[in-house]
N, C-alpha and C. Protein backbone atom coordinates (compact mmCIF):
# COMPACT_ATOMS: atom_id res chain seq x y z
N MET A 1 29.38 -21.54 -25.58
CA MET A 1 28.69 -21.15 -24.35
C MET A 1 28.95 -19.58 -23.80
N THR A 2 30.48 -19.29 -23.87
CA THR A 2 30.86 -18.13 -23.53
C THR A 2 30.12 -16.85 -24.47
N GLY A 3 30.07 -17.22 -25.68
CA GLY A 3 29.46 -16.37 -26.86
C GLY A 3 28.11 -16.01 -26.47
N LEU A 4 27.43 -16.83 -25.99
CA LEU A 4 25.88 -16.89 -25.67
C LEU A 4 25.94 -15.67 -24.28
N MET A 5 26.65 -16.08 -23.41
CA MET A 5 26.84 -15.15 -22.31
C MET A 5 27.01 -13.78 -22.67
N VAL A 6 28.16 -13.51 -23.30
CA VAL A 6 28.31 -12.04 -23.59
C VAL A 6 27.60 -11.62 -24.60
N CYS A 7 26.81 -12.30 -25.37
CA CYS A 7 25.59 -11.73 -26.10
C CYS A 7 24.25 -11.28 -25.20
N LEU A 8 23.97 -12.36 -24.10
CA LEU A 8 23.02 -11.81 -23.14
C LEU A 8 23.42 -10.57 -22.61
N ALA A 9 24.62 -10.57 -21.79
CA ALA A 9 25.26 -9.75 -21.25
C ALA A 9 24.97 -8.23 -21.86
N VAL A 10 25.48 -8.33 -23.29
CA VAL A 10 25.28 -6.97 -23.93
C VAL A 10 23.76 -6.45 -24.35
N LEU A 11 22.95 -7.66 -24.56
CA LEU A 11 21.47 -7.15 -24.57
C LEU A 11 20.98 -6.78 -23.30
N ALA A 12 21.22 -7.30 -22.41
CA ALA A 12 20.93 -6.84 -21.13
C ALA A 12 21.22 -5.08 -20.65
N SER A 13 22.55 -5.13 -20.80
CA SER A 13 23.06 -3.80 -21.02
C SER A 13 22.34 -2.89 -21.95
N ALA A 14 22.04 -3.24 -23.04
CA ALA A 14 21.57 -2.13 -23.99
C ALA A 14 20.14 -1.90 -23.59
N GLY A 15 19.25 -2.94 -23.19
CA GLY A 15 18.05 -2.97 -22.75
C GLY A 15 17.86 -1.73 -21.53
N ALA A 16 18.91 -2.02 -20.56
CA ALA A 16 18.76 -1.25 -19.27
C ALA A 16 18.91 0.37 -19.60
N PHE A 17 20.18 0.37 -20.58
CA PHE A 17 20.35 1.80 -21.02
C PHE A 17 19.22 2.45 -21.64
N GLY A 18 18.39 1.63 -22.60
CA GLY A 18 17.50 2.16 -23.27
C GLY A 18 16.16 2.50 -22.56
N LEU A 19 15.95 1.61 -21.46
CA LEU A 19 14.85 2.26 -20.30
C LEU A 19 15.35 3.14 -19.83
N LEU A 20 16.28 3.48 -19.21
CA LEU A 20 16.93 4.61 -18.73
C LEU A 20 16.80 5.83 -19.60
N ARG A 21 17.12 5.69 -20.57
CA ARG A 21 17.03 7.14 -21.56
C ARG A 21 15.67 7.44 -21.78
N ALA A 22 14.97 6.39 -22.04
CA ALA A 22 13.66 6.49 -22.42
C ALA A 22 12.70 7.20 -20.99
N ARG A 23 13.07 7.10 -19.97
CA ARG A 23 12.46 7.52 -18.84
C ARG A 23 13.02 8.89 -18.53
N ARG A 24 14.21 9.25 -18.90
CA ARG A 24 14.88 10.82 -18.73
C ARG A 24 14.70 11.44 -19.90
N ASP A 25 14.36 11.00 -21.06
CA ASP A 25 14.40 11.86 -22.16
C ASP A 25 13.18 12.69 -22.06
N GLY A 26 13.27 14.09 -22.46
CA GLY A 26 12.38 14.79 -22.42
C GLY A 26 11.50 15.49 -21.11
N ARG A 27 12.19 15.14 -20.07
CA ARG A 27 11.81 15.46 -18.67
C ARG A 27 12.30 16.60 -18.33
N LEU A 28 11.70 17.74 -17.79
CA LEU A 28 12.21 19.15 -17.21
C LEU A 28 12.46 18.86 -16.08
N ARG A 29 13.59 18.97 -15.56
CA ARG A 29 14.39 18.84 -14.47
C ARG A 29 15.21 19.79 -13.89
N VAL A 30 15.71 19.87 -12.63
CA VAL A 30 16.91 20.84 -12.31
C VAL A 30 18.20 20.03 -12.13
N ARG A 31 19.32 20.47 -12.66
CA ARG A 31 20.59 20.06 -12.62
C ARG A 31 21.31 20.77 -11.59
N SER A 32 22.20 20.11 -10.84
CA SER A 32 22.94 20.73 -9.75
C SER A 32 23.73 21.84 -10.42
N GLY A 33 24.38 21.60 -11.74
CA GLY A 33 25.13 22.67 -12.25
C GLY A 33 24.55 23.74 -12.70
N ASP A 34 23.19 23.85 -12.65
CA ASP A 34 22.19 24.93 -13.19
C ASP A 34 21.95 25.91 -12.37
N THR A 35 22.24 25.63 -11.08
CA THR A 35 22.21 26.55 -9.97
C THR A 35 22.83 27.96 -10.02
N GLY A 36 22.10 29.16 -10.23
CA GLY A 36 22.72 30.55 -10.05
C GLY A 36 22.92 30.83 -11.74
N VAL A 37 22.47 30.20 -12.59
CA VAL A 37 22.74 30.32 -13.98
C VAL A 37 21.58 31.33 -14.58
N ARG A 38 22.03 32.20 -15.20
CA ARG A 38 21.34 33.44 -15.56
C ARG A 38 21.78 33.82 -17.02
N LEU A 39 20.68 33.82 -17.94
CA LEU A 39 20.91 34.38 -19.23
C LEU A 39 20.44 35.60 -19.45
N THR A 40 21.00 36.39 -20.54
CA THR A 40 20.48 37.67 -20.75
C THR A 40 19.95 37.61 -22.43
N ALA A 41 19.24 38.60 -22.71
CA ALA A 41 18.50 38.86 -24.17
C ALA A 41 19.77 38.63 -25.01
N ALA A 42 20.92 39.47 -24.77
CA ALA A 42 22.13 39.62 -25.62
C ALA A 42 22.66 38.10 -25.78
N GLN A 43 22.60 37.41 -24.60
CA GLN A 43 23.11 35.83 -24.81
C GLN A 43 22.32 35.16 -25.81
N LEU A 44 21.19 35.41 -25.92
CA LEU A 44 19.99 34.47 -26.76
C LEU A 44 19.71 35.01 -28.04
N GLY A 45 20.05 36.37 -27.97
CA GLY A 45 19.64 36.95 -29.41
C GLY A 45 18.05 37.31 -29.52
N GLY A 46 17.49 37.50 -28.45
CA GLY A 46 16.09 37.85 -28.40
C GLY A 46 15.56 38.25 -27.07
N PRO A 47 14.36 39.02 -27.04
CA PRO A 47 14.21 39.49 -25.52
C PRO A 47 13.43 38.49 -24.86
N LEU A 48 13.86 38.44 -23.44
CA LEU A 48 13.15 37.80 -22.85
C LEU A 48 11.74 38.01 -22.12
N GLY A 49 10.96 37.00 -22.00
CA GLY A 49 9.46 37.27 -21.78
C GLY A 49 9.32 37.95 -20.37
N THR A 50 8.32 38.69 -20.11
CA THR A 50 8.19 39.23 -19.05
C THR A 50 7.77 38.42 -17.93
N ARG A 51 7.28 37.33 -17.90
CA ARG A 51 6.88 36.23 -16.78
C ARG A 51 7.90 35.08 -17.15
N ALA A 52 8.29 34.71 -18.41
CA ALA A 52 9.08 33.58 -18.34
C ALA A 52 9.76 33.48 -19.96
N THR A 53 10.68 32.69 -20.20
CA THR A 53 11.23 32.14 -21.44
C THR A 53 11.44 30.93 -21.81
N LEU A 54 10.84 30.33 -22.84
CA LEU A 54 11.44 28.99 -23.26
C LEU A 54 12.38 29.11 -24.32
N VAL A 55 13.52 28.65 -24.00
CA VAL A 55 14.94 28.53 -24.87
C VAL A 55 14.93 27.13 -25.54
N GLN A 56 14.97 27.11 -26.60
CA GLN A 56 15.24 25.96 -27.25
C GLN A 56 16.47 25.93 -28.29
N PHE A 57 17.30 24.82 -27.93
CA PHE A 57 18.49 24.76 -28.92
C PHE A 57 18.33 23.61 -29.64
N SER A 58 18.28 23.93 -30.90
CA SER A 58 18.19 23.14 -32.09
C SER A 58 19.30 23.23 -33.11
N SER A 59 19.15 21.96 -33.87
CA SER A 59 20.16 21.87 -35.05
C SER A 59 19.46 21.66 -36.39
N ALA A 60 20.13 21.90 -37.47
CA ALA A 60 19.35 21.77 -38.79
C ALA A 60 18.68 20.47 -39.25
N PHE A 61 19.25 19.43 -38.70
CA PHE A 61 18.81 18.14 -39.04
C PHE A 61 18.17 17.22 -38.06
N CYS A 62 17.51 18.05 -37.12
CA CYS A 62 17.03 17.44 -35.82
C CYS A 62 15.57 17.37 -35.97
N GLN A 63 15.19 15.97 -36.27
CA GLN A 63 13.60 15.65 -36.34
C GLN A 63 12.98 16.32 -35.26
N PRO A 64 13.13 15.76 -34.18
CA PRO A 64 12.55 16.19 -32.81
C PRO A 64 12.40 17.53 -32.44
N CYS A 65 13.62 18.40 -32.98
CA CYS A 65 13.46 19.81 -33.11
C CYS A 65 12.35 20.37 -33.55
N ARG A 66 11.82 20.01 -34.59
CA ARG A 66 10.59 20.42 -35.31
C ARG A 66 9.30 20.48 -34.56
N ALA A 67 9.20 19.10 -34.13
CA ALA A 67 7.91 18.96 -33.09
C ALA A 67 8.05 19.70 -31.62
N THR A 68 9.35 19.89 -31.11
CA THR A 68 9.60 20.51 -29.69
C THR A 68 9.20 22.04 -30.33
N ARG A 69 9.77 22.83 -31.39
CA ARG A 69 9.52 23.98 -31.74
C ARG A 69 7.69 24.20 -31.72
N ARG A 70 7.23 23.36 -32.38
CA ARG A 70 5.76 23.59 -32.35
C ARG A 70 5.00 23.56 -31.05
N VAL A 71 5.42 22.52 -30.08
CA VAL A 71 4.97 22.54 -28.78
C VAL A 71 5.45 23.84 -27.98
N LEU A 72 6.40 24.26 -27.92
CA LEU A 72 6.96 25.39 -27.27
C LEU A 72 6.22 26.70 -27.81
N ALA A 73 6.04 26.90 -28.93
CA ALA A 73 5.23 27.92 -29.61
C ALA A 73 3.86 28.05 -29.36
N ASP A 74 3.51 26.71 -29.27
CA ASP A 74 1.94 26.76 -28.72
C ASP A 74 1.63 27.25 -27.45
N VAL A 75 2.54 26.77 -26.51
CA VAL A 75 2.49 27.04 -25.09
C VAL A 75 2.67 28.55 -24.91
N ALA A 76 3.79 29.10 -25.41
CA ALA A 76 4.18 30.37 -25.47
C ALA A 76 3.02 31.42 -25.76
N SER A 77 2.55 30.99 -26.77
CA SER A 77 0.83 31.91 -27.37
C SER A 77 -0.10 31.50 -26.57
N MET A 78 -0.10 30.49 -25.65
CA MET A 78 -1.24 30.30 -24.63
C MET A 78 -1.10 31.27 -23.35
N VAL A 79 0.30 31.47 -23.05
CA VAL A 79 0.50 31.97 -21.66
C VAL A 79 0.97 33.44 -22.07
N GLU A 80 0.40 34.28 -21.57
CA GLU A 80 0.75 35.67 -21.74
C GLU A 80 1.96 35.98 -21.16
N GLY A 81 2.94 36.74 -21.35
CA GLY A 81 4.19 36.93 -21.02
C GLY A 81 5.17 35.83 -21.48
N VAL A 82 4.98 35.14 -21.86
CA VAL A 82 5.92 33.81 -22.29
C VAL A 82 6.57 34.07 -23.56
N THR A 83 7.61 33.84 -23.65
CA THR A 83 8.25 34.07 -25.01
C THR A 83 9.12 32.78 -25.50
N HIS A 84 9.34 32.54 -26.68
CA HIS A 84 10.06 31.33 -27.19
C HIS A 84 11.13 31.74 -27.99
N ILE A 85 12.39 31.35 -27.58
CA ILE A 85 13.49 31.76 -28.38
C ILE A 85 14.01 30.43 -28.78
N GLU A 86 14.45 30.24 -29.98
CA GLU A 86 15.28 29.15 -30.66
C GLU A 86 16.46 29.53 -30.88
N VAL A 87 17.50 28.75 -30.56
CA VAL A 87 18.93 28.85 -30.70
C VAL A 87 19.71 27.97 -31.76
N ASN A 88 20.17 28.23 -32.78
CA ASN A 88 20.85 27.32 -33.42
C ASN A 88 22.27 26.76 -32.82
N ALA A 89 22.12 25.72 -32.25
CA ALA A 89 23.50 25.13 -31.67
C ALA A 89 24.66 25.17 -32.23
N GLU A 90 24.26 24.99 -33.64
CA GLU A 90 25.69 24.74 -34.30
C GLU A 90 26.53 26.42 -34.64
N ALA A 91 25.58 27.35 -34.61
CA ALA A 91 26.03 28.35 -34.84
C ALA A 91 26.47 29.31 -33.58
N ARG A 92 26.11 28.78 -32.44
CA ARG A 92 26.28 29.26 -30.93
C ARG A 92 27.19 28.42 -29.99
N LEU A 93 28.18 27.83 -30.44
CA LEU A 93 28.90 26.87 -29.77
C LEU A 93 29.24 27.11 -28.50
N GLU A 94 29.94 28.40 -28.55
CA GLU A 94 30.08 29.13 -27.09
C GLU A 94 29.36 28.92 -25.85
N LEU A 95 27.83 29.41 -26.48
CA LEU A 95 26.94 29.22 -25.52
C LEU A 95 26.55 27.86 -25.28
N VAL A 96 26.67 26.75 -26.16
CA VAL A 96 26.34 25.45 -25.90
C VAL A 96 27.43 24.83 -24.94
N ARG A 97 28.76 25.05 -25.10
CA ARG A 97 29.50 24.73 -24.20
C ARG A 97 29.53 25.34 -22.76
N ALA A 98 29.01 26.32 -22.70
CA ALA A 98 29.06 27.17 -21.51
C ALA A 98 27.84 26.59 -20.63
N LEU A 99 26.64 26.25 -21.27
CA LEU A 99 25.34 25.76 -20.62
C LEU A 99 25.61 24.14 -20.60
N SER A 100 26.68 23.37 -21.18
CA SER A 100 26.72 21.90 -21.38
C SER A 100 25.70 21.44 -21.80
N ILE A 101 25.07 21.84 -22.79
CA ILE A 101 24.16 21.29 -23.76
C ILE A 101 24.83 20.19 -24.59
N LEU A 102 24.54 18.89 -24.41
CA LEU A 102 24.77 17.64 -24.98
C LEU A 102 24.20 17.32 -26.22
N ARG A 103 22.87 17.64 -26.21
CA ARG A 103 22.04 17.14 -27.58
C ARG A 103 20.92 17.98 -27.78
N THR A 104 20.65 17.76 -29.03
CA THR A 104 19.33 18.58 -29.40
C THR A 104 18.11 17.84 -29.75
N PRO A 105 16.83 18.31 -29.16
CA PRO A 105 16.72 19.60 -28.77
C PRO A 105 16.92 19.56 -27.19
N THR A 106 17.21 20.39 -26.77
CA THR A 106 17.27 20.74 -25.42
C THR A 106 16.79 22.28 -24.99
N VAL A 107 15.71 22.16 -24.17
CA VAL A 107 14.82 23.12 -23.88
C VAL A 107 15.32 23.56 -22.31
N LEU A 108 15.10 25.16 -22.35
CA LEU A 108 15.58 25.62 -21.03
C LEU A 108 14.56 26.78 -20.41
N VAL A 109 13.94 26.29 -19.24
CA VAL A 109 12.88 27.24 -18.80
C VAL A 109 13.56 28.28 -18.02
N LEU A 110 13.49 29.57 -18.30
CA LEU A 110 13.86 30.86 -17.50
C LEU A 110 12.71 31.61 -16.98
N ASP A 111 12.92 32.08 -15.77
CA ASP A 111 11.98 32.99 -15.12
C ASP A 111 12.10 34.31 -15.65
N ALA A 112 11.42 35.33 -15.19
CA ALA A 112 11.28 36.51 -15.80
C ALA A 112 12.72 37.30 -15.82
N ASP A 113 13.82 36.91 -14.85
CA ASP A 113 14.85 37.60 -14.38
C ASP A 113 15.85 37.04 -15.44
N GLY A 114 15.58 35.74 -16.10
CA GLY A 114 16.67 34.83 -16.96
C GLY A 114 17.20 33.96 -16.35
N ALA A 115 17.02 33.56 -14.98
CA ALA A 115 17.37 32.72 -14.13
C ALA A 115 16.83 31.07 -14.60
N LEU A 116 17.72 30.32 -14.96
CA LEU A 116 17.51 29.10 -15.24
C LEU A 116 16.61 28.31 -14.27
N VAL A 117 15.57 27.65 -14.48
CA VAL A 117 14.51 26.92 -13.74
C VAL A 117 14.67 25.57 -13.71
N ARG A 118 14.46 25.29 -14.95
CA ARG A 118 14.27 23.74 -15.43
C ARG A 118 15.08 23.59 -16.88
N ARG A 119 15.18 22.46 -17.04
CA ARG A 119 15.92 21.98 -18.36
C ARG A 119 15.52 20.49 -18.61
N ALA A 120 15.28 20.26 -20.01
CA ALA A 120 15.09 19.00 -20.61
C ALA A 120 15.89 18.82 -21.74
N SER A 121 16.34 17.65 -21.91
CA SER A 121 17.22 17.00 -23.09
C SER A 121 16.24 16.14 -23.67
N GLY A 122 15.93 16.40 -25.01
CA GLY A 122 14.96 15.57 -25.89
C GLY A 122 13.68 16.59 -25.91
N GLN A 123 12.81 15.58 -26.36
CA GLN A 123 11.38 16.38 -26.81
C GLN A 123 10.38 16.53 -25.54
N PRO A 124 10.12 17.48 -24.90
CA PRO A 124 9.27 17.49 -23.82
C PRO A 124 7.80 17.37 -23.95
N ARG A 125 7.32 17.02 -23.10
CA ARG A 125 5.49 16.90 -23.24
C ARG A 125 5.07 18.39 -23.08
N ARG A 126 3.86 18.54 -23.49
CA ARG A 126 3.27 19.83 -23.52
C ARG A 126 2.91 20.14 -22.19
N ALA A 127 2.30 19.04 -21.34
CA ALA A 127 1.96 19.18 -20.05
C ALA A 127 3.21 19.56 -19.06
N ASP A 128 4.20 18.88 -19.52
CA ASP A 128 5.39 18.99 -18.75
C ASP A 128 5.90 20.45 -18.88
N VAL A 129 5.89 21.11 -19.90
CA VAL A 129 6.27 22.34 -20.29
C VAL A 129 5.49 23.40 -19.57
N ILE A 130 4.11 23.21 -19.42
CA ILE A 130 3.29 24.09 -19.04
C ILE A 130 3.42 24.06 -17.34
N ALA A 131 3.76 22.84 -16.86
CA ALA A 131 4.01 22.55 -15.60
C ALA A 131 5.26 23.36 -14.92
N ALA A 132 6.26 23.37 -15.80
CA ALA A 132 7.64 24.08 -15.42
C ALA A 132 7.59 25.49 -15.53
N LEU A 133 6.68 25.94 -16.69
CA LEU A 133 6.27 27.36 -16.52
C LEU A 133 5.72 27.88 -15.32
N GLY A 134 4.93 27.30 -14.87
CA GLY A 134 3.96 27.62 -13.56
C GLY A 134 5.26 27.64 -12.57
N ARG A 135 6.07 26.70 -12.35
CA ARG A 135 7.14 26.67 -11.57
C ARG A 135 7.95 28.20 -11.64
N ALA A 136 8.44 28.37 -12.90
CA ALA A 136 9.26 29.32 -13.28
C ALA A 136 8.33 30.71 -12.82
N VAL A 137 7.20 31.15 -13.11
CA VAL A 137 6.42 32.14 -12.83
C VAL A 137 6.36 32.37 -11.11
N ALA A 138 6.22 31.16 -10.23
CA ALA A 138 6.11 31.23 -8.96
C ALA A 138 7.43 31.56 -8.49
N GLU A 139 8.63 30.89 -8.97
CA GLU A 139 10.10 31.46 -8.45
C GLU A 139 10.17 32.74 -8.84
N GLY A 140 10.00 32.95 -10.03
CA GLY A 140 10.57 34.30 -10.27
C GLY A 140 9.83 35.56 -9.53
N GLY A 141 8.63 35.24 -9.33
CA GLY A 141 7.85 36.10 -8.51
C GLY A 141 8.18 36.21 -7.01
N ASP A 142 8.71 35.12 -6.54
CA ASP A 142 9.32 35.09 -5.11
C ASP A 142 10.42 35.87 -5.04
N ASP A 143 11.41 36.29 -6.01
CA ASP A 143 12.43 36.89 -5.53
C ASP A 143 12.18 38.56 -5.56
N ARG A 144 10.87 39.01 -6.13
CA ARG A 144 10.73 40.37 -6.13
C ARG A 144 10.25 40.98 -5.01
């Protein structure tokens, strides 16, 4: 009877963790540690967009990274002044550690000045990326 109870407890815990992870995966949000974070073109290895920048941290064997790359490239091509920069997380460990990137893909949305506006761990939906870009452009415009 004790073994059955342990098994049920483990299954319930795993189910709760799975639901929590599925709910948070790919959602573009603001983290408390992201306040005041600003990235430069030199740090990212490419020019920032004039209106906003989509930064994707990827790794070589990450399957969701490929789909994320397509989504971000499509959105960047649709919105004028938006640039998509892909960073190899394995090659840029110092930047990964500085930004507390824990998994790939991780997407950062930066405003025109390079300030971090939103972040997503996991593959974001196209509509969420477009909404986050709207916030980045609005917030970037308020500073000027």
